[in-house]
Amino acid sequence: MDLMKSLWSDESGQGLTEYAVIIALVAVALIAVLIIFRNEIAKTFNRATTELRNQPTNPAPTV
C-alpha cells in the first residue's frame, strides 16, 4: 500500500508531461493554420516559381 501511495504522489514527470502537452497544442494549431491558408500558400509558391522561370537567361553583365 505504501508503494501505491508513493507512486500516486510522485510528481517527477509532471514538468515533462506539461511540455509535451504544450508542444502538441502548438503542433495542432500550426497544422490548423496551414490547412486554413493552404490555398494562399500555394498561390505564393506558384507566383514565386513563375517569376523565377520568367527571369532572363542572360547572365548579369560583368563590369
Protein backbone atom coordinates (compact mmCIF):
# COMPACT_ATOMS: atom_id res chain seq x y z
CA MET A 1 0.00 0.00 0.00
CA ASP A 2 2.91 2.35 0.73
CA LEU A 3 4.20 1.74 -2.78
CA MET A 4 0.87 2.83 -4.27
CA LYS A 5 0.85 5.99 -2.15
CA SER A 6 4.38 6.88 -3.17
CA LEU A 7 3.63 6.31 -6.86
CA TRP A 8 0.43 8.35 -6.63
CA SER A 9 2.15 11.35 -5.02
CA ASP A 10 5.29 11.19 -7.22
CA GLU A 11 5.34 14.30 -9.47
CA SER A 12 8.79 13.90 -11.02
CA GLY A 13 7.46 13.58 -14.60
CA GLN A 14 4.93 16.37 -14.33
CA GLY A 15 7.08 19.04 -15.98
CA LEU A 16 7.92 16.84 -18.94
CA THR A 17 4.27 15.98 -19.41
CA GLU A 18 3.28 19.64 -19.38
CA TYR A 19 5.88 20.44 -22.03
CA ALA A 20 4.65 17.55 -24.16
CA VAL A 21 1.08 18.85 -23.95
CA ILE A 22 2.20 22.38 -24.90
CA ILE A 23 4.18 21.06 -27.88
CA ALA A 24 1.18 19.00 -29.00
CA LEU A 25 -1.12 22.03 -28.80
CA VAL A 26 1.32 24.18 -30.79
CA ALA A 27 1.59 21.44 -33.43
CA VAL A 28 -2.20 21.17 -33.73
CA ALA A 29 -2.51 24.96 -34.04
CA LEU A 30 0.20 25.07 -36.71
CA ILE A 31 -1.48 22.32 -38.70
CA ALA A 32 -4.81 24.15 -38.46
CA VAL A 33 -3.25 27.39 -39.73
CA LEU A 34 -1.57 25.58 -42.62
CA ILE A 35 -4.85 23.92 -43.57
CA ILE A 36 -6.74 27.20 -43.43
CA PHE A 37 -4.18 29.11 -45.51
CA ARG A 38 -3.13 26.30 -47.86
CA ASN A 39 -4.57 27.97 -50.97
CA GLU A 40 -2.82 31.27 -50.25
CA ILE A 41 0.45 29.47 -49.53
CA ALA A 42 0.18 27.52 -52.79
CA LYS A 43 -0.54 30.73 -54.72
CA THR A 44 2.52 32.38 -53.22
CA PHE A 45 4.80 29.50 -54.17
CA ASN A 46 3.29 29.29 -57.65
CA ARG A 47 3.80 33.03 -58.14
CA ALA A 48 7.42 32.76 -57.00
CA THR A 49 8.01 29.79 -59.32
CA THR A 50 6.51 31.67 -62.26
CA GLU A 51 8.63 34.75 -61.57
CA LEU A 52 11.80 32.68 -61.32
CA ARG A 53 11.04 30.82 -64.54
CA ASN A 54 10.35 34.07 -66.42
CA GLN A 55 13.67 35.66 -65.49
CA PRO A 56 16.02 36.40 -68.39
CA THR A 57 18.52 33.64 -69.06
CA ASN A 58 21.34 36.08 -69.87
CA PRO A 59 23.98 36.28 -67.20
CA ALA A 60 24.49 39.58 -65.46
CA PRO A 61 26.96 41.78 -67.35
CA THR A 62 30.41 41.95 -65.87
CA VAL A 63 31.87 45.35 -65.25
